Amino acid sequence: MPNHRSPFQTAHDLPEIDPPDLIAEARQQAVTELLKTIIEPVLNNNIVSLGMVRNLRVVDNYVYLRLYVGKHQHDLKHQIETVLSQLTWCKKSYVQLCTIPGVRTTLAISSGKGGVGKSTTSVNLAIALSLQGAKVGLLDADIYGPNIPQMLGLGHSEVKTIETAEGTRFLPLEAHGIKVMSVGLLAEPDHPLAWRGPVLHKVITQFIQDVEWGDLDYLLIDLPPGTGDAQITIVQESPICGVLLVTTPQQVAIADVRRSIHMFRRVGIPVLGIIENMSYLRCGHCGEPTPIFGSGGGQQLAEELQTPLLGQVPIEARICAAGDSGRPVTLTDPTSFVGQVFLNIASALDKTFCSIHKLADAILC
């Protein structure tokens, strides 16, 4: 006989769900509140809101967490252990330090969609920071369009490895004083990077953890556009302390950027500023700007996020030509209008972070 019972379960058929562990929840909340009392001095916010504390778990009388920090922030681990010692029930706290050896400040360059000039911005900003005396690395993590080697004149250079105490590590290439690593260097010329799932995750994780960067003031990570698996992996596995959002003025680009903002907010990574690319076309004779793609989008986004509009980069043929030739315009002509825009953005970033870099140098000396 056929079974004519309804495929839908009634209330009494549903499996029993274990009640929430109220003690564990209360303890995790208590840990979180204590961690919020620890302030990161440069960004002037607590380490929880900044996304530096991840994978927090309370198991019985023990606390486990990951702490994502830069080279100069290792003392935060001791501060956490000291603060959590106030908990009478906590027998021990286990703090796993997650960092990129030698790197002080890791910044992400992100966009909501492709084609807005994110990689061009990353390259010119890296050059601008270097021209101002910083030691800079650039990680091209854009698996969909890894163009940074070409933009820096590296072409299809071969990646070498060395053996260290921590195991085999990639050696970054160097171009114009910038240390560079790119997923594009692992692919055959003109072949797509058709990585999926676990392979993609492993490759990206290796590029974050297994590169011998040496001593860097800044590591810029050029993220893929959008909010897919690759972006989430990079954000979760690296000690990014802030993100710079690149957009164009039109509302379509702004709408896509808003989606990526949600991803960063989920892990607490702050948006440090907005860079509006292709803002306007400057007249070659009088310098009068013409907003070809509309205007005001970058400023609107900055006001929504209560974060600065760091710069507005005009449309200029030299930017494209310089990227194709492997000699960025900020390098070849830093006194140009475009060069000055990127140097001003670099100055704004350095005002935020240079004080902590100098303090770290003084401690190390």
Protein backbone atom coordinates (compact mmCIF):
# COMPACT_ATOMS: atom_id res chain seq x y z
CA MET A 1 0.00 0.00 0.00
CA PRO A 2 1.29 3.43 -0.82
CA ASN A 3 2.16 5.73 2.04
CA HIS A 4 -0.14 8.75 1.88
CA ARG A 5 1.38 10.52 4.89
CA SER A 6 2.19 14.16 4.42
CA PRO A 7 5.87 14.84 3.71
CA PHE A 8 5.63 17.79 6.09
CA GLN A 9 6.36 17.13 9.72
CA THR A 10 3.99 18.22 12.42
CA ALA A 11 5.22 19.91 15.55
CA HIS A 12 5.39 16.71 17.60
CA ASP A 13 7.42 14.99 14.82
CA LEU A 14 10.22 17.55 14.87
CA PRO A 15 13.50 16.49 16.51
CA GLU A 16 14.28 17.94 19.88
CA ILE A 17 16.74 20.83 19.87
CA ASP A 18 19.17 21.12 22.72
CA PRO A 19 18.57 24.25 24.77
CA PRO A 20 21.23 26.92 24.47
CA ASP A 21 24.12 26.74 26.89
CA LEU A 22 23.33 29.91 28.81
CA ILE A 23 26.47 29.70 30.92
CA ALA A 24 28.73 29.44 27.85
CA GLU A 25 26.89 32.32 26.17
CA ALA A 26 27.23 34.51 29.25
CA ARG A 27 30.93 33.69 29.52
CA GLN A 28 31.57 34.47 25.85
CA GLN A 29 29.78 37.80 26.27
CA ALA A 30 31.90 38.57 29.33
CA VAL A 31 35.08 37.79 27.37
CA THR A 32 33.97 40.01 24.50
CA GLU A 33 33.22 42.94 26.81
CA LEU A 34 36.66 42.67 28.43
CA LEU A 35 38.38 42.50 25.03
CA LYS A 36 36.57 45.68 24.02
CA THR A 37 38.46 47.53 26.75
CA ILE A 38 41.73 47.02 24.82
CA ILE A 39 42.23 49.95 22.45
CA GLU A 40 44.47 49.86 19.37
CA PRO A 41 46.16 53.30 19.59
CA VAL A 42 46.63 54.06 15.87
CA LEU A 43 43.07 53.45 14.71
CA ASN A 44 41.71 54.52 18.13
CA ASN A 45 39.23 51.70 18.41
CA ASN A 46 38.93 48.47 20.36
CA ILE A 47 40.42 45.24 19.03
CA VAL A 48 37.01 43.55 18.70
CA SER A 49 35.48 46.30 16.57
CA LEU A 50 38.62 46.35 14.41
CA GLY A 51 38.23 42.66 13.60
CA MET A 52 41.55 41.75 15.19
CA VAL A 53 39.88 39.12 17.39
CA ARG A 54 38.45 36.18 15.44
CA ASN A 55 37.34 32.59 16.08
CA LEU A 56 36.54 33.35 19.71
CA ARG A 57 35.39 30.25 21.59
CA VAL A 58 34.72 29.46 25.24
CA VAL A 59 35.03 25.77 26.07
CA ASP A 60 34.35 24.88 29.71
CA ASN A 61 36.79 27.06 31.69
CA TYR A 62 39.08 27.91 28.77
CA VAL A 63 39.11 30.75 26.22
CA TYR A 64 40.43 30.29 22.68
CA LEU A 65 40.86 33.04 20.09
CA ARG A 66 42.92 34.19 17.14
CA LEU A 67 44.57 37.61 17.21
CA TYR A 68 45.35 39.16 13.80
CA VAL A 69 48.03 41.84 14.17
CA GLY A 70 50.94 43.56 12.51
CA LYS A 71 54.60 43.34 13.49
CA HIS A 72 54.34 46.23 15.94
CA GLN A 73 51.23 44.92 17.75
CA HIS A 74 52.47 41.67 19.29
CA ASP A 75 52.18 43.16 22.79
CA LEU A 76 48.39 43.01 22.41
CA LYS A 77 48.59 39.29 23.12
CA HIS A 78 49.97 39.99 26.59
CA GLN A 79 47.30 42.63 27.17
CA ILE A 80 44.59 40.10 26.30
CA GLU A 81 46.01 37.49 28.64
CA THR A 82 46.22 40.08 31.43
CA VAL A 83 42.66 41.32 30.93
CA LEU A 84 41.16 37.83 30.73
CA SER A 85 42.93 36.83 33.95
CA GLN A 86 40.26 38.92 35.72
CA LEU A 87 37.72 36.18 34.96
CA THR A 88 37.51 34.00 38.06
CA TRP A 89 36.22 31.01 36.10
CA CYS A 90 38.89 31.17 33.37
CA LYS A 91 41.68 28.67 34.02
CA LYS A 92 43.67 29.70 30.94
CA SER A 93 43.33 31.74 27.76
CA TYR A 94 44.90 30.51 24.53
CA VAL A 95 45.72 33.37 22.12
CA GLN A 96 46.96 32.31 18.68
CA LEU A 97 49.00 35.13 17.14
CA CYS A 98 48.25 35.47 13.42
CA THR A 99 50.61 37.82 11.61
CA ILE A 100 52.72 38.19 8.47
CA PRO A 101 56.35 38.12 9.65
CA GLY A 102 58.11 41.44 9.19
CA VAL A 103 54.99 43.34 8.04
CA ARG A 104 53.78 46.20 10.21
CA THR A 105 50.64 47.39 8.42
CA THR A 106 48.54 45.36 5.99
CA LEU A 107 46.02 47.30 3.92
CA ALA A 108 43.49 45.95 1.42
CA ILE A 109 42.55 47.73 -1.81
CA SER A 110 39.03 46.73 -2.77
CA SER A 111 36.26 47.55 -5.21
CA GLY A 112 32.71 46.39 -5.61
CA LYS A 113 33.11 45.63 -9.31
CA GLY A 114 35.83 45.13 -11.88
CA GLY A 115 37.05 47.75 -14.30
CA VAL A 116 37.17 50.71 -11.90
CA GLY A 117 40.97 50.92 -11.82
CA LYS A 118 41.65 49.12 -8.54
CA SER A 119 44.95 47.56 -9.69
CA THR A 120 46.10 50.84 -11.23
CA THR A 121 45.32 52.54 -7.93
CA SER A 122 47.19 49.86 -5.97
CA VAL A 123 50.32 50.20 -8.11
CA ASN A 124 50.45 53.99 -8.02
CA LEU A 125 49.71 54.11 -4.30
CA ALA A 126 52.51 51.61 -3.63
CA ILE A 127 54.90 53.79 -5.64
CA ALA A 128 53.73 56.92 -3.80
CA LEU A 129 54.31 55.35 -0.38
CA SER A 130 57.75 54.18 -1.49
CA LEU A 131 58.68 57.65 -2.76
CA GLN A 132 57.86 58.98 0.71
CA GLY A 133 60.39 56.62 2.30
CA ALA A 134 58.25 53.62 3.26
CA LYS A 135 59.21 50.00 2.64
CA VAL A 136 56.33 48.65 0.59
CA GLY A 137 55.13 45.26 -0.61
CA LEU A 138 52.30 44.63 -3.06
CA LEU A 139 50.38 41.34 -3.13
CA ASP A 140 48.34 40.88 -6.29
CA ALA A 141 45.55 38.58 -5.09
CA ASP A 142 43.21 39.38 -7.98
CA ILE A 143 42.85 35.87 -9.39
CA TYR A 144 40.47 37.09 -12.10
CA GLY A 145 42.76 39.74 -13.53
CA PRO A 146 46.31 39.62 -12.11
CA ASN A 147 47.72 42.57 -14.05
CA ILE A 148 50.13 44.04 -11.53
CA PRO A 149 53.26 42.26 -12.86
CA GLN A 150 52.71 43.89 -16.25
CA MET A 151 51.94 47.27 -14.69
CA LEU A 152 55.28 47.13 -12.87
CA GLY A 153 57.26 45.81 -15.83
CA LEU A 154 57.75 42.30 -14.46
CA GLY A 155 56.01 40.44 -17.26
CA HIS A 156 56.03 36.69 -16.64
CA SER A 157 59.00 36.54 -14.30
CA GLU A 158 59.70 33.27 -12.53
CA VAL A 159 58.88 32.93 -8.83
CA LYS A 160 61.69 31.45 -6.74
CA THR A 161 61.52 29.72 -3.37
CA ILE A 162 63.91 29.47 -0.44
CA GLU A 163 64.16 27.16 2.54
CA THR A 164 63.72 28.81 5.93
CA ALA A 165 63.28 27.63 9.52
CA GLU A 166 59.52 27.84 8.92
CA GLY A 167 59.72 25.78 5.70
CA THR A 168 59.67 26.59 1.99
CA ARG A 169 58.72 30.18 1.23
CA PHE A 170 58.20 32.24 -1.91
CA LEU A 171 60.65 35.05 -2.65
CA PRO A 172 58.87 38.20 -3.81
CA LEU A 173 60.09 39.90 -6.96
CA GLU A 174 61.15 43.54 -6.86
CA ALA A 175 60.22 46.37 -9.20
CA HIS A 176 60.93 50.08 -8.72
CA GLY A 177 61.70 49.48 -5.04
CA ILE A 178 58.42 47.58 -4.45
CA LYS A 179 58.37 43.92 -3.39
CA VAL A 180 55.78 42.13 -5.50
CA MET A 181 54.01 38.80 -5.46
CA SER A 182 51.16 37.90 -7.82
CA VAL A 183 48.97 34.89 -8.48
CA GLY A 184 49.47 35.72 -12.15
CA LEU A 185 53.12 34.69 -11.86
CA LEU A 186 52.00 31.09 -11.25
CA ALA A 187 49.92 30.82 -14.40
CA GLU A 188 50.96 30.17 -17.97
CA PRO A 189 50.86 33.25 -20.23
CA ASP A 190 47.40 33.94 -21.69
CA HIS A 191 45.83 31.03 -19.75
CA PRO A 192 42.98 31.58 -17.28
CA LEU A 193 43.37 30.86 -13.59
CA ALA A 194 40.65 28.22 -13.37
CA TRP A 195 41.01 27.44 -9.67
CA ARG A 196 38.03 26.35 -7.62
CA GLY A 197 37.17 25.43 -4.04
CA PRO A 198 39.94 23.91 -1.93
CA VAL A 199 42.66 24.61 -4.54
CA LEU A 200 41.76 28.29 -4.63
CA HIS A 201 41.71 28.48 -0.84
CA LYS A 202 45.10 26.76 -0.56
CA VAL A 203 46.79 28.99 -3.15
CA ILE A 204 45.50 32.19 -1.57
CA THR A 205 46.45 31.05 1.93
CA GLN A 206 49.96 30.22 0.73
CA PHE A 207 50.34 33.66 -0.79
CA ILE A 208 49.40 35.22 2.53
CA GLN A 209 51.42 32.98 4.84
CA ASP A 210 54.33 31.64 2.79
CA VAL A 211 55.99 34.71 1.26
CA GLU A 212 59.30 35.96 2.65
CA TRP A 213 58.48 39.68 2.61
CA GLY A 214 61.26 40.79 4.91
CA ASP A 215 60.83 44.09 6.76
CA LEU A 216 57.90 46.13 5.39
CA ASP A 217 56.11 49.24 6.59
CA TYR A 218 53.13 48.51 4.34
CA LEU A 219 51.81 45.45 2.55
CA LEU A 220 49.06 46.38 0.10
CA ILE A 221 46.76 43.55 -0.97
CA ASP A 222 45.01 44.08 -4.30
CA LEU A 223 41.78 42.13 -3.74
CA PRO A 224 39.64 40.58 -6.46
CA PRO A 225 36.48 42.59 -7.21
CA GLY A 226 33.26 41.52 -5.57
CA THR A 227 32.58 39.37 -2.50
CA GLY A 228 33.20 35.75 -3.50
CA ASP A 229 35.20 32.88 -2.00
CA ALA A 230 38.58 34.39 -2.84
CA GLN A 231 37.82 37.72 -1.17
CA ILE A 232 36.37 36.10 1.95
CA THR A 233 39.39 33.80 2.29
CA ILE A 234 41.84 36.70 2.06
CA VAL A 235 39.90 38.82 4.54
CA GLN A 236 39.59 35.96 7.03
CA GLU A 237 43.17 34.69 6.78
CA SER A 238 45.20 37.92 6.77
CA PRO A 239 45.82 40.61 9.42
CA ILE A 240 44.26 43.40 7.35
CA CYS A 241 43.91 46.45 9.58
CA GLY A 242 41.96 48.57 7.12
CA VAL A 243 40.60 48.75 3.60
CA LEU A 244 40.66 51.44 0.91
CA LEU A 245 37.65 51.36 -1.39
CA VAL A 246 38.08 52.30 -5.05
CA THR A 247 35.02 53.42 -6.96
CA THR A 248 33.98 55.52 -9.92
CA PRO A 249 31.47 58.37 -9.62
CA GLN A 250 28.41 56.70 -11.14
CA GLN A 251 25.69 55.21 -8.96
CA VAL A 252 26.05 51.68 -10.40
CA ALA A 253 29.62 51.47 -9.06
CA ILE A 254 28.56 52.92 -5.72
CA ALA A 255 25.84 50.28 -5.34
CA ASP A 256 28.40 47.50 -5.89
CA VAL A 257 30.79 49.03 -3.36
CA ARG A 258 28.05 49.00 -0.72
CA ARG A 259 27.82 45.22 -1.08
CA SER A 260 31.53 44.76 -0.44
CA ILE A 261 31.32 47.02 2.61
CA HIS A 262 29.01 44.48 4.23
CA MET A 263 31.71 41.81 3.95
CA PHE A 264 34.29 43.97 5.70
CA ARG A 265 31.85 44.94 8.44
CA ARG A 266 31.16 41.28 9.20
CA VAL A 267 34.77 40.82 10.31
CA GLY A 268 35.13 44.32 11.72
CA ILE A 269 37.71 45.63 9.23
CA PRO A 270 37.40 49.45 9.07
CA VAL A 271 37.14 51.41 5.85
CA LEU A 272 40.01 53.92 6.00
CA GLY A 273 38.96 55.98 3.02
CA ILE A 274 37.46 56.24 -0.45
CA ILE A 275 39.42 56.76 -3.66
CA GLU A 276 37.32 57.94 -6.59
CA ASN A 277 38.89 56.93 -9.89
CA MET A 278 37.96 58.30 -13.34
CA SER A 279 36.44 61.27 -11.54
CA TYR A 280 36.60 63.69 -14.46
CA LEU A 281 38.42 64.55 -17.66
CA ARG A 282 40.72 67.54 -17.41
CA CYS A 283 40.88 69.88 -20.38
CA GLY A 284 44.40 69.79 -21.84
CA HIS A 285 44.39 73.57 -22.32
CA CYS A 286 42.62 75.14 -19.35
CA GLY A 287 42.43 72.24 -16.87
CA GLU A 288 38.65 72.57 -16.56
CA PRO A 289 37.14 69.26 -15.31
CA THR A 290 34.37 67.47 -17.22
CA PRO A 291 32.58 64.75 -15.17
CA ILE A 292 32.10 62.14 -17.92
CA PHE A 293 30.81 59.44 -15.56
CA GLY A 294 28.76 61.76 -13.37
CA SER A 295 29.91 63.29 -10.12
CA GLY A 296 29.51 63.08 -6.38
CA GLY A 297 29.47 59.29 -5.98
CA GLY A 298 32.70 59.08 -4.02
CA GLN A 299 31.72 61.95 -1.74
CA GLN A 300 28.30 60.41 -1.17
CA LEU A 301 29.87 57.11 -0.16
CA ALA A 302 32.37 58.85 2.12
CA GLU A 303 29.57 60.67 3.90
CA GLU A 304 27.56 57.47 4.33
CA LEU A 305 30.54 55.69 5.87
CA GLN A 306 31.78 58.77 7.75
CA THR A 307 35.21 58.18 6.26
CA PRO A 308 37.42 60.54 4.23
CA LEU A 309 37.40 60.89 0.45
CA LEU A 310 41.18 60.49 0.10
CA GLY A 311 41.49 61.49 -3.52
CA GLN A 312 39.82 61.94 -6.90
CA VAL A 313 41.89 60.57 -9.77
CA PRO A 314 41.11 62.09 -13.18
CA ILE A 315 40.82 60.26 -16.50
CA GLU A 316 44.14 60.66 -18.25
CA ALA A 317 45.67 58.76 -21.17
CA ARG A 318 49.08 58.78 -19.50
CA ILE A 319 47.81 56.56 -16.67
CA CYS A 320 46.84 53.82 -19.12
CA ALA A 321 50.00 54.15 -21.22
CA ALA A 322 52.21 54.09 -18.13
CA GLY A 323 50.51 50.95 -16.83
CA ASP A 324 50.94 49.19 -20.18
CA SER A 325 54.64 50.09 -20.31
CA GLY A 326 55.34 48.92 -16.74
CA ARG A 327 56.37 52.38 -15.52
CA PRO A 328 53.54 53.92 -13.45
CA VAL A 329 52.95 57.64 -13.89
CA THR A 330 53.56 58.33 -10.18
CA LEU A 331 57.06 56.92 -10.69
CA THR A 332 57.94 58.61 -13.97
CA ASP A 333 56.37 61.99 -13.21
CA PRO A 334 55.57 62.40 -9.49
CA THR A 335 55.13 66.16 -9.92
CA SER A 336 52.33 65.68 -12.47
CA PHE A 337 48.73 66.34 -11.48
CA VAL A 338 47.98 62.60 -11.22
CA GLY A 339 51.23 61.91 -9.39
CA GLN A 340 50.37 64.55 -6.81
CA VAL A 341 46.93 63.00 -6.25
CA PHE A 342 48.51 59.67 -5.31
CA LEU A 343 51.24 61.31 -3.23
CA ASN A 344 48.56 63.17 -1.27
CA ILE A 345 46.70 59.90 -0.63
CA ALA A 346 49.95 58.31 0.55
CA SER A 347 50.60 61.26 2.86
CA ALA A 348 47.14 60.89 4.41
CA LEU A 349 47.79 57.21 5.11
CA ASP A 350 51.25 57.87 6.46
CA LYS A 351 49.92 60.47 8.90
CA THR A 352 47.79 57.71 10.36
CA PHE A 353 50.43 55.01 10.55
CA CYS A 354 53.89 56.61 10.53
CA SER A 355 53.82 57.44 14.24
CA ILE A 356 53.47 53.79 15.17
CA HIS A 357 56.17 52.84 12.65
CA LYS A 358 58.59 55.30 14.23
CA LEU A 359 57.68 54.04 17.71
CA ALA A 360 58.33 50.46 16.63
CA ASP A 361 61.70 51.46 15.16
CA ALA A 362 62.66 53.13 18.43
CA ILE A 363 61.71 50.02 20.42
CA LEU A 364 63.66 47.73 18.08
CA CYS A 365 66.73 49.98 18.28
